[in-house]
Amino acid sequence: MKIRKIFNDNAICVRNKQGQNILAVSKGLGFGKRIGDKVGVEEAIKIFEPVNKGLVEELSKLLNNIPIEHVSACNKVICFARRELEALSNEIYLTLIDHLSYAIERHNQGLDFGHVAWAVRELYPREYSVALDSLDILEQSLGIRMPEPEAGFIAIHFLNASGVKIREVQDNVLLLEGIIGIVKKYSDFDISKETASVRRLVAYAGVLVYSIAGISHPEGQTKKDCEMTNSHENFIMETHLCVDEIATYVEQQSNYRLAPNEKEYLLNLIHTMMQDKCGE
C-alpha cells in the first residue's frame, strides 16, 4: 500500500485495494518514510475513516509504552469483537489496548483481577460471551491464559465502545452485587453452585436491575415473565427479613420501590433456594 499521509513515526494513512483510506498504527511504521512510499501494514492496527486526529495522537503515544506483541494481540481481539457485536467506536482501540496491556502485565506479576465477572455475565451475556472468546484469542497470540474474571472487564470496554456509559454499567453491577450480597447474609447462597434455584434467583435479580435501570433485558425477559406460579404461605422469618432489606437497599440506591409482586416473587425464589439447601 502507498502512504497518503504521515501523522508521526507510528501512524500513517494508506489506501487499500477497495479505495478506502485506512489509518495504520504500529511502532515505527512511519519512521523515515515519505508520502507515496510503499509500506506493509499487515501487523498494524487498522482503522477505517473517518479518522479522529486526537485518537491518532493518543494511539501513537500509547505505542511508545506498550510491547508491539500486546498491540497485535489486542488488535485481533478488537477485529473479532467488531464482527460479533454491534458497531464499536474507534475509541475501543485506545481504551482496550491500554487496559489489556496493563492487565497482561498484572497477570504476569501474579496480581488479582477482582471479581466483577459473574455480575457482568448475568447483566450483559452477549458482550461477556465475546469477551470470553477474546481470552482464547489472547492465549493463542501470547501464549498466556488470562483468568476468567478478566472477561468481565473486557466486556465493560465493549459496552462502553457501543455507547453504554461505564458509570451505568458499574451502577448496575454494584446493584446486582448488593442484592445478592444481602441474600448471602441470610443463607448459604453460593453463586458458584449452578443449581436450578440459585440460577432462577440470580436471573430474576438481573431482571430487577434492568427494571430499576429502566432498560430492556438483553434476552427480552421482562417482569411479566416472572409472575408467581406457586405461593408459599409459611415463609421463614429470615426470608422476610432478607427481602425487606433488599427492598430498603434498592430504594436507597435508586429510589425504586419494589412492587408487591416483585417482593412476593423474591420471597418465593429465596424460600425455594433455602429449602433446596436444607435438602442437600
C-alpha atoms as a PDB file:
ATOM      1  CA  MET A   1       0.000   0.000   0.000  1.00  0.00           C
ATOM      2  CA  LYS A   2       1.121   3.559  -0.653  1.00  0.00           C
ATOM      3  CA  ILE A   3       1.386   6.151   2.088  1.00  0.00           C
ATOM      4  CA  ARG A   4      -1.055   9.022   1.623  1.00  0.00           C
ATOM      5  CA  LYS A   5      -0.304  10.884   4.844  1.00  0.00           C
ATOM      6  CA  ILE A   6       2.194  10.606   7.699  1.00  0.00           C
ATOM      7  CA  PHE A   7       0.927  11.638  11.115  1.00  0.00           C
ATOM      8  CA  ASN A   8       4.097  10.722  13.025  1.00  0.00           C
ATOM      9  CA  ASP A   9       6.637   7.895  13.353  1.00  0.00           C
ATOM     10  CA  ASN A  10       3.924   5.465  14.494  1.00  0.00           C
ATOM     11  CA  ALA A  11       0.842   6.422  12.478  1.00  0.00           C
ATOM     12  CA  ILE A  12       0.240   6.777   8.750  1.00  0.00           C
ATOM     13  CA  CYS A  13      -2.691   6.850   6.329  1.00  0.00           C
ATOM     14  CA  VAL A  14      -2.758   4.408   3.392  1.00  0.00           C
ATOM     15  CA  ARG A  15      -5.341   3.415   0.768  1.00  0.00           C
ATOM     16  CA  ASN A  16      -6.350  -0.228   0.346  1.00  0.00           C
ATOM     17  CA  LYS A  17      -7.404  -2.070  -2.819  1.00  0.00           C
ATOM     18  CA  GLN A  18     -11.031  -1.107  -2.231  1.00  0.00           C
ATOM     19  CA  GLY A  19     -10.117   2.573  -2.352  1.00  0.00           C
ATOM     20  CA  GLN A  20     -10.651   3.095   1.377  1.00  0.00           C
ATOM     21  CA  ASN A  21      -8.327   5.319   3.339  1.00  0.00           C
ATOM     22  CA  ILE A  22      -7.011   3.490   6.396  1.00  0.00           C
ATOM     23  CA  LEU A  23      -5.261   4.701   9.490  1.00  0.00           C
ATOM     24  CA  ALA A  24      -2.412   2.256  10.195  1.00  0.00           C
ATOM     25  CA  VAL A  25      -0.760   2.438  13.595  1.00  0.00           C
ATOM     26  CA  SER A  26       2.320   0.463  14.614  1.00  0.00           C
ATOM     27  CA  LYS A  27       5.569   1.334  16.363  1.00  0.00           C
ATOM     28  CA  GLY A  28       7.998   2.918  13.886  1.00  0.00           C
ATOM     29  CA  LEU A  29       5.675   2.378  10.908  1.00  0.00           C
ATOM     30  CA  GLY A  30       6.141   5.910   9.586  1.00  0.00           C
ATOM     31  CA  PHE A  31       9.769   6.409  10.608  1.00  0.00           C
ATOM     32  CA  GLY A  32      11.915   7.579   7.715  1.00  0.00           C
ATOM     33  CA  LYS A  33       9.020   7.238   5.260  1.00  0.00           C
ATOM     34  CA  ARG A  34       7.647   9.704   2.728  1.00  0.00           C
ATOM     35  CA  ILE A  35       4.247  10.202   1.137  1.00  0.00           C
ATOM     36  CA  GLY A  36       3.964   7.828  -1.817  1.00  0.00           C
ATOM     37  CA  ASP A  37       6.273   5.182  -0.341  1.00  0.00           C
ATOM     38  CA  LYS A  38       5.002   1.614  -0.348  1.00  0.00           C
ATOM     39  CA  VAL A  39       4.617   0.006   3.055  1.00  0.00           C
ATOM     40  CA  GLY A  40       3.293  -3.244   4.518  1.00  0.00           C
ATOM     41  CA  VAL A  41       0.672  -2.829   7.213  1.00  0.00           C
ATOM     42  CA  GLU A  42      -0.292  -6.454   7.856  1.00  0.00           C
ATOM     43  CA  GLU A  43       0.563  -6.321  11.574  1.00  0.00           C
ATOM     44  CA  ALA A  44      -0.570  -2.751  12.159  1.00  0.00           C
ATOM     45  CA  ILE A  45      -3.732  -1.557  13.828  1.00  0.00           C
ATOM     46  CA  LYS A  46      -6.106  -0.562  11.030  1.00  0.00           C
ATOM     47  CA  ILE A  47      -8.965   1.895  11.499  1.00  0.00           C
ATOM     48  CA  PHE A  48     -11.164   2.907   8.584  1.00  0.00           C
ATOM     49  CA  GLU A  49     -12.085   6.519   8.037  1.00  0.00           C
ATOM     50  CA  PRO A  50     -13.274   8.836   9.398  1.00  0.00           C
ATOM     51  CA  VAL A  51     -10.084   9.310  11.407  1.00  0.00           C
ATOM     52  CA  ASN A  52     -10.160  11.270  14.651  1.00  0.00           C
ATOM     53  CA  LYS A  53      -6.947  13.285  14.902  1.00  0.00           C
ATOM     54  CA  GLY A  54      -6.993  13.227  18.688  1.00  0.00           C
ATOM     55  CA  LEU A  55      -7.359   9.449  18.681  1.00  0.00           C
ATOM     56  CA  VAL A  56      -4.417   9.120  16.278  1.00  0.00           C
ATOM     57  CA  GLU A  57      -2.212  11.160  18.592  1.00  0.00           C
ATOM     58  CA  GLU A  58      -3.255   9.207  21.693  1.00  0.00           C
ATOM     59  CA  LEU A  59      -2.675   5.855  19.976  1.00  0.00           C
ATOM     60  CA  SER A  60       0.736   6.974  18.811  1.00  0.00           C
ATOM     61  CA  LYS A  61       1.740   7.957  22.347  1.00  0.00           C
ATOM     62  CA  LEU A  62       0.383   4.694  23.711  1.00  0.00           C
ATOM     63  CA  LEU A  63       2.519   2.645  21.320  1.00  0.00           C
ATOM     64  CA  ASN A  64       5.666   4.122  22.807  1.00  0.00           C
ATOM     65  CA  ASN A  65       4.916   2.410  26.127  1.00  0.00           C
ATOM     66  CA  ILE A  66       3.314  -0.899  25.090  1.00  0.00           C
ATOM     67  CA  PRO A  67       5.011  -4.022  23.657  1.00  0.00           C
ATOM     68  CA  ILE A  68       4.132  -4.455  19.992  1.00  0.00           C
ATOM     69  CA  GLU A  69       3.041  -8.068  20.620  1.00  0.00           C
ATOM     70  CA  HIS A  70       0.395  -6.756  23.038  1.00  0.00           C
ATOM     71  CA  VAL A  71      -0.814  -4.308  20.385  1.00  0.00           C
ATOM     72  CA  SER A  72      -1.042  -7.051  17.765  1.00  0.00           C
ATOM     73  CA  ALA A  73      -2.974  -9.411  20.099  1.00  0.00           C
ATOM     74  CA  CYS A  74      -5.378  -6.652  21.144  1.00  0.00           C
ATOM     75  CA  ASN A  75      -5.971  -5.741  17.517  1.00  0.00           C
ATOM     76  CA  LYS A  76      -7.083  -9.328  16.842  1.00  0.00           C
ATOM     77  CA  VAL A  77      -9.490  -9.126  19.791  1.00  0.00           C
ATOM     78  CA  ILE A  78     -10.985  -5.873  18.515  1.00  0.00           C
ATOM     79  CA  CYS A  79     -11.400  -7.181  14.961  1.00  0.00           C
ATOM     80  CA  PHE A  80     -13.195 -10.237  16.355  1.00  0.00           C
ATOM     81  CA  ALA A  81     -15.430  -8.146  18.633  1.00  0.00           C
ATOM     82  CA  ARG A  82     -16.411  -5.867  15.768  1.00  0.00           C
ATOM     83  CA  ARG A  83     -17.618  -8.873  13.804  1.00  0.00           C
ATOM     84  CA  GLU A  84     -19.634 -10.270  16.713  1.00  0.00           C
ATOM     85  CA  LEU A  85     -21.120  -7.154  18.313  1.00  0.00           C
ATOM     86  CA  GLU A  86     -22.858  -4.013  17.181  1.00  0.00           C
ATOM     87  CA  ALA A  87     -20.760  -1.131  15.857  1.00  0.00           C
ATOM     88  CA  LEU A  88     -17.951  -0.326  18.266  1.00  0.00           C
ATOM     89  CA  SER A  89     -16.449   3.153  18.212  1.00  0.00           C
ATOM     90  CA  ASN A  90     -12.822   3.637  17.208  1.00  0.00           C
ATOM     91  CA  GLU A  91     -12.037   4.636  20.797  1.00  0.00           C
ATOM     92  CA  ILE A  92     -12.055   0.892  21.579  1.00  0.00           C
ATOM     93  CA  TYR A  93      -8.541   0.778  20.111  1.00  0.00           C
ATOM     94  CA  LEU A  94      -7.284   3.244  22.672  1.00  0.00           C
ATOM     95  CA  THR A  95      -9.192   2.079  25.743  1.00  0.00           C
ATOM     96  CA  LEU A  96      -8.951  -1.687  25.270  1.00  0.00           C
ATOM     97  CA  ILE A  97      -5.306  -1.762  24.205  1.00  0.00           C
ATOM     98  CA  ASP A  98      -4.379   0.385  27.198  1.00  0.00           C
ATOM     99  CA  HIS A  99      -6.406  -1.815  29.560  1.00  0.00           C
ATOM    100  CA  LEU A 100      -5.336  -5.190  28.183  1.00  0.00           C
ATOM    101  CA  SER A 101      -1.636  -4.380  28.132  1.00  0.00           C
ATOM    102  CA  TYR A 102      -1.859  -3.356  31.786  1.00  0.00           C
ATOM    103  CA  ALA A 103      -3.917  -6.461  32.598  1.00  0.00           C
ATOM    104  CA  ILE A 104      -1.348  -8.696  30.907  1.00  0.00           C
ATOM    105  CA  GLU A 105       1.411  -7.135  32.988  1.00  0.00           C
ATOM    106  CA  ARG A 106      -0.639  -7.636  36.159  1.00  0.00           C
ATOM    107  CA  HIS A 107      -1.228 -11.256  35.221  1.00  0.00           C
ATOM    108  CA  ASN A 108       2.480 -11.813  34.652  1.00  0.00           C
ATOM    109  CA  GLN A 109       3.117 -10.385  38.117  1.00  0.00           C
ATOM    110  CA  GLY A 110       0.516 -12.683  39.695  1.00  0.00           C
ATOM    111  CA  LEU A 111      -1.772  -9.840  40.799  1.00  0.00           C
ATOM    112  CA  ASP A 112      -5.515 -10.218  41.486  1.00  0.00           C
ATOM    113  CA  PHE A 113      -8.089  -9.286  38.831  1.00  0.00           C
ATOM    114  CA  GLY A 114     -11.098  -8.654  41.046  1.00  0.00           C
ATOM    115  CA  HIS A 115     -14.461 -10.386  40.763  1.00  0.00           C
ATOM    116  CA  VAL A 116     -16.870  -8.490  38.513  1.00  0.00           C
ATOM    117  CA  ALA A 117     -17.229 -11.366  36.057  1.00  0.00           C
ATOM    118  CA  TRP A 118     -20.385 -13.061  37.346  1.00  0.00           C
ATOM    119  CA  ALA A 119     -22.435  -9.843  37.556  1.00  0.00           C
ATOM    120  CA  VAL A 120     -21.359  -8.681  34.086  1.00  0.00           C
ATOM    121  CA  ARG A 121     -22.086 -12.174  32.738  1.00  0.00           C
ATOM    122  CA  GLU A 122     -25.594 -12.019  34.170  1.00  0.00           C
ATOM    123  CA  LEU A 123     -26.453  -8.498  33.023  1.00  0.00           C
ATOM    124  CA  TYR A 124     -24.619  -8.402  29.681  1.00  0.00           C
ATOM    125  CA  PRO A 125     -24.405 -12.017  28.439  1.00  0.00           C
ATOM    126  CA  ARG A 126     -23.668 -11.201  24.798  1.00  0.00           C
ATOM    127  CA  GLU A 127     -20.701  -8.940  25.495  1.00  0.00           C
ATOM    128  CA  TYR A 128     -19.444 -11.325  28.160  1.00  0.00           C
ATOM    129  CA  SER A 129     -19.529 -14.260  25.766  1.00  0.00           C
ATOM    130  CA  VAL A 130     -17.459 -12.338  23.212  1.00  0.00           C
ATOM    131  CA  ALA A 131     -15.058 -11.331  25.991  1.00  0.00           C
ATOM    132  CA  LEU A 132     -14.621 -14.975  26.989  1.00  0.00           C
ATOM    133  CA  ASP A 133     -13.744 -15.847  23.395  1.00  0.00           C
ATOM    134  CA  SER A 134     -11.308 -12.942  23.471  1.00  0.00           C
ATOM    135  CA  LEU A 135      -9.359 -14.709  26.212  1.00  0.00           C
ATOM    136  CA  ASP A 136      -8.835 -17.573  23.753  1.00  0.00           C
ATOM    137  CA  ILE A 137      -7.504 -15.132  21.149  1.00  0.00           C
ATOM    138  CA  LEU A 138      -5.077 -13.649  23.663  1.00  0.00           C
ATOM    139  CA  GLU A 139      -3.909 -17.123  24.642  1.00  0.00           C
ATOM    140  CA  GLN A 140      -3.318 -18.101  21.009  1.00  0.00           C
ATOM    141  CA  SER A 141      -1.450 -14.859  20.330  1.00  0.00           C
ATOM    142  CA  LEU A 142       0.600 -14.501  23.508  1.00  0.00           C
ATOM    143  CA  GLY A 143       0.772 -17.994  24.974  1.00  0.00           C
ATOM    144  CA  ILE A 144      -0.745 -16.954  28.307  1.00  0.00           C
ATOM    145  CA  ARG A 145      -4.177 -17.731  29.737  1.00  0.00           C
ATOM    146  CA  MET A 146      -5.822 -14.770  31.377  1.00  0.00           C
ATOM    147  CA  PRO A 147      -8.166 -15.681  34.270  1.00  0.00           C
ATOM    148  CA  GLU A 148     -11.912 -15.637  33.643  1.00  0.00           C
ATOM    149  CA  PRO A 149     -12.593 -12.509  35.772  1.00  0.00           C
ATOM    150  CA  GLU A 150     -10.737 -10.509  33.109  1.00  0.00           C
ATOM    151  CA  ALA A 151     -13.601 -11.266  30.700  1.00  0.00           C
ATOM    152  CA  GLY A 152     -15.820  -9.060  32.833  1.00  0.00           C
ATOM    153  CA  PHE A 153     -13.531  -6.059  32.375  1.00  0.00           C
ATOM    154  CA  ILE A 154     -13.164  -6.679  28.636  1.00  0.00           C
ATOM    155  CA  ALA A 155     -16.961  -6.847  28.301  1.00  0.00           C
ATOM    156  CA  ILE A 156     -17.255  -3.476  30.047  1.00  0.00           C
ATOM    157  CA  HIS A 157     -14.940  -1.940  27.445  1.00  0.00           C
ATOM    158  CA  PHE A 158     -17.072  -3.454  24.666  1.00  0.00           C
ATOM    159  CA  LEU A 159     -20.166  -1.928  26.248  1.00  0.00           C
ATOM    160  CA  ASN A 160     -18.529   1.470  26.570  1.00  0.00           C
ATOM    161  CA  ALA A 161     -17.462   1.396  22.913  1.00  0.00           C
ATOM    162  CA  SER A 162     -21.044   0.571  21.916  1.00  0.00           C
ATOM    163  CA  GLY A 163     -22.391   3.679  23.647  1.00  0.00           C
ATOM    164  CA  VAL A 164     -23.202   2.380  27.136  1.00  0.00           C
ATOM    165  CA  LYS A 165     -21.603   4.588  29.766  1.00  0.00           C
ATOM    166  CA  ILE A 166     -19.170   2.808  32.075  1.00  0.00           C
ATOM    167  CA  ARG A 167     -20.818   4.517  35.066  1.00  0.00           C
ATOM    168  CA  GLU A 168     -24.154   2.956  34.083  1.00  0.00           C
ATOM    169  CA  VAL A 169     -22.559  -0.492  33.822  1.00  0.00           C
ATOM    170  CA  GLN A 170     -20.821  -0.037  37.168  1.00  0.00           C
ATOM    171  CA  ASP A 171     -24.040   1.100  38.858  1.00  0.00           C
ATOM    172  CA  ASN A 172     -25.963  -1.901  37.518  1.00  0.00           C
ATOM    173  CA  VAL A 173     -23.205  -4.326  38.507  1.00  0.00           C
ATOM    174  CA  LEU A 174     -22.967  -2.868  42.013  1.00  0.00           C
ATOM    175  CA  LEU A 175     -26.742  -3.021  42.416  1.00  0.00           C
ATOM    176  CA  LEU A 176     -26.860  -6.687  41.435  1.00  0.00           C
ATOM    177  CA  GLU A 177     -23.903  -7.500  43.666  1.00  0.00           C
ATOM    178  CA  GLY A 178     -25.608  -5.654  46.527  1.00  0.00           C
ATOM    179  CA  ILE A 179     -28.845  -7.616  46.133  1.00  0.00           C
ATOM    180  CA  ILE A 180     -27.026 -10.943  46.038  1.00  0.00           C
ATOM    181  CA  GLY A 181     -24.805  -9.831  48.925  1.00  0.00           C
ATOM    182  CA  ILE A 182     -27.893  -9.397  51.095  1.00  0.00           C
ATOM    183  CA  VAL A 183     -29.124 -12.865  50.125  1.00  0.00           C
ATOM    184  CA  LYS A 184     -25.759 -14.248  51.260  1.00  0.00           C
ATOM    185  CA  LYS A 185     -26.257 -12.702  54.691  1.00  0.00           C
ATOM    186  CA  TYR A 186     -29.386 -14.733  55.281  1.00  0.00           C
ATOM    187  CA  SER A 187     -28.484 -18.013  53.599  1.00  0.00           C
ATOM    188  CA  ASP A 188     -25.713 -20.323  52.437  1.00  0.00           C
ATOM    189  CA  PHE A 189     -26.060 -18.882  48.945  1.00  0.00           C
ATOM    190  CA  ASP A 190     -23.152 -19.881  46.698  1.00  0.00           C
ATOM    191  CA  ILE A 191     -23.186 -18.458  43.184  1.00  0.00           C
ATOM    192  CA  SER A 192     -20.583 -20.980  42.045  1.00  0.00           C
ATOM    193  CA  LYS A 193     -23.158 -23.764  42.544  1.00  0.00           C
ATOM    194  CA  GLU A 194     -25.354 -23.594  39.461  1.00  0.00           C
ATOM    195  CA  THR A 195     -28.413 -25.279  40.973  1.00  0.00           C
ATOM    196  CA  ALA A 196     -31.800 -24.561  39.422  1.00  0.00           C
ATOM    197  CA  SER A 197     -32.959 -22.475  42.406  1.00  0.00           C
ATOM    198  CA  VAL A 198     -29.750 -20.424  42.525  1.00  0.00           C
ATOM    199  CA  ARG A 199     -29.927 -19.898  38.769  1.00  0.00           C
ATOM    200  CA  ARG A 200     -33.547 -18.678  38.934  1.00  0.00           C
ATOM    201  CA  LEU A 201     -32.783 -16.312  41.804  1.00  0.00           C
ATOM    202  CA  VAL A 202     -29.761 -14.744  40.106  1.00  0.00           C
ATOM    203  CA  ALA A 203     -31.650 -14.456  36.810  1.00  0.00           C
ATOM    204  CA  TYR A 204     -34.562 -12.665  38.467  1.00  0.00           C
ATOM    205  CA  ALA A 205     -32.209 -10.352  40.356  1.00  0.00           C
ATOM    206  CA  GLY A 206     -30.786  -9.403  36.958  1.00  0.00           C
ATOM    207  CA  VAL A 207     -34.289  -8.721  35.642  1.00  0.00           C
ATOM    208  CA  LEU A 208     -34.934  -6.466  38.643  1.00  0.00           C
ATOM    209  CA  VAL A 209     -31.770  -4.477  37.950  1.00  0.00           C
ATOM    210  CA  TYR A 210     -32.870  -3.911  34.368  1.00  0.00           C
ATOM    211  CA  SER A 211     -36.303  -2.835  35.555  1.00  0.00           C
ATOM    212  CA  ILE A 212     -34.741  -0.437  38.054  1.00  0.00           C
ATOM    213  CA  ALA A 213     -32.457   0.978  35.354  1.00  0.00           C
ATOM    214  CA  GLY A 214     -35.446   1.381  33.031  1.00  0.00           C
ATOM    215  CA  ILE A 215     -33.946  -0.572  30.148  1.00  0.00           C
ATOM    216  CA  SER A 216     -34.864  -3.768  28.337  1.00  0.00           C
ATOM    217  CA  HIS A 217     -33.355  -7.072  29.393  1.00  0.00           C
ATOM    218  CA  PRO A 218     -30.818  -8.242  26.738  1.00  0.00           C
ATOM    219  CA  GLU A 219     -32.684 -11.506  26.240  1.00  0.00           C
ATOM    220  CA  GLY A 220     -36.084  -9.865  26.072  1.00  0.00           C
ATOM    221  CA  GLN A 221     -37.131 -11.020  29.531  1.00  0.00           C
ATOM    222  CA  THR A 222     -39.422  -8.717  31.476  1.00  0.00           C
ATOM    223  CA  LYS A 223     -41.107  -8.671  34.839  1.00  0.00           C
ATOM    224  CA  LYS A 224     -44.168 -10.221  33.210  1.00  0.00           C
ATOM    225  CA  ASP A 225     -42.140 -13.366  32.625  1.00  0.00           C
ATOM    226  CA  CYS A 226     -41.717 -13.676  36.375  1.00  0.00           C
ATOM    227  CA  GLU A 227     -45.275 -13.906  37.611  1.00  0.00           C
ATOM    228  CA  MET A 228     -45.936 -16.189  40.551  1.00  0.00           C
ATOM    229  CA  THR A 229     -46.945 -19.721  39.723  1.00  0.00           C
ATOM    230  CA  ASN A 230     -46.913 -21.089  43.272  1.00  0.00           C
ATOM    231  CA  SER A 231     -47.269 -19.314  46.592  1.00  0.00           C
ATOM    232  CA  HIS A 232     -45.683 -20.373  49.876  1.00  0.00           C
ATOM    233  CA  GLU A 233     -47.742 -19.349  52.921  1.00  0.00           C
ATOM    234  CA  ASN A 234     -45.215 -20.230  55.636  1.00  0.00           C
ATOM    235  CA  PHE A 235     -42.076 -18.351  54.718  1.00  0.00           C
ATOM    236  CA  ILE A 236     -39.362 -18.479  57.346  1.00  0.00           C
ATOM    237  CA  MET A 237     -38.597 -15.238  59.166  1.00  0.00           C
ATOM    238  CA  GLU A 238     -35.158 -14.949  57.609  1.00  0.00           C
ATOM    239  CA  THR A 239     -36.673 -14.867  54.143  1.00  0.00           C
ATOM    240  CA  HIS A 240     -38.952 -11.947  55.025  1.00  0.00           C
ATOM    241  CA  LEU A 241     -36.088 -10.065  56.659  1.00  0.00           C
ATOM    242  CA  CYS A 242     -33.921 -10.693  53.605  1.00  0.00           C
ATOM    243  CA  VAL A 243     -36.493  -9.348  51.152  1.00  0.00           C
ATOM    244  CA  ASP A 244     -37.220  -6.338  53.376  1.00  0.00           C
ATOM    245  CA  GLU A 245     -33.513  -5.495  53.462  1.00  0.00           C
ATOM    246  CA  ILE A 246     -33.261  -5.892  49.681  1.00  0.00           C
ATOM    247  CA  ALA A 247     -36.236  -3.559  49.201  1.00  0.00           C
ATOM    248  CA  THR A 248     -34.668  -0.959  51.515  1.00  0.00           C
ATOM    249  CA  TYR A 249     -31.299  -1.252  49.796  1.00  0.00           C
ATOM    250  CA  VAL A 250     -32.792  -0.876  46.315  1.00  0.00           C
ATOM    251  CA  GLU A 251     -34.793   2.192  47.330  1.00  0.00           C
ATOM    252  CA  GLN A 252     -31.755   3.812  48.951  1.00  0.00           C
ATOM    253  CA  GLN A 253     -29.569   3.180  45.915  1.00  0.00           C
ATOM    254  CA  SER A 254     -32.024   4.007  43.134  1.00  0.00           C
ATOM    255  CA  ASN A 255     -35.242   5.487  44.560  1.00  0.00           C
ATOM    256  CA  TYR A 256     -37.004   2.459  43.078  1.00  0.00           C
ATOM    257  CA  ARG A 257     -39.663   0.893  45.308  1.00  0.00           C
ATOM    258  CA  LEU A 258     -40.164  -2.814  44.767  1.00  0.00           C
ATOM    259  CA  ALA A 259     -43.748  -3.676  43.830  1.00  0.00           C
ATOM    260  CA  PRO A 260     -45.649  -6.218  45.967  1.00  0.00           C
ATOM    261  CA  ASN A 261     -45.448  -8.855  43.233  1.00  0.00           C
ATOM    262  CA  GLU A 262     -41.680  -8.328  42.956  1.00  0.00           C
ATOM    263  CA  LYS A 263     -41.263  -8.833  46.694  1.00  0.00           C
ATOM    264  CA  GLU A 264     -43.518 -11.881  46.597  1.00  0.00           C
ATOM    265  CA  TYR A 265     -41.536 -13.439  43.795  1.00  0.00           C
ATOM    266  CA  LEU A 266     -38.257 -12.797  45.614  1.00  0.00           C
ATOM    267  CA  LEU A 267     -39.751 -14.459  48.706  1.00  0.00           C
ATOM    268  CA  ASN A 268     -40.726 -17.442  46.612  1.00  0.00           C
ATOM    269  CA  LEU A 269     -37.298 -17.778  44.984  1.00  0.00           C
ATOM    270  CA  ILE A 270     -35.288 -17.303  48.181  1.00  0.00           C
ATOM    271  CA  HIS A 271     -37.504 -19.672  50.131  1.00  0.00           C
ATOM    272  CA  THR A 272     -37.198 -22.332  47.418  1.00  0.00           C
ATOM    273  CA  MET A 273     -33.424 -21.935  47.386  1.00  0.00           C
ATOM    274  CA  MET A 274     -33.242 -22.299  51.177  1.00  0.00           C
ATOM    275  CA  GLN A 275     -35.401 -25.425  51.036  1.00  0.00           C
ATOM    276  CA  ASP A 276     -33.085 -26.884  48.399  1.00  0.00           C
ATOM    277  CA  LYS A 277     -30.104 -26.165  50.657  1.00  0.00           C
ATOM    278  CA  CYS A 278     -31.781 -27.928  53.569  1.00  0.00           C
ATOM    279  CA  GLY A 279     -32.399 -30.962  51.384  1.00  0.00           C
ATOM    280  CA  GLU A 280     -28.750 -31.279  50.338  1.00  0.00           C
END
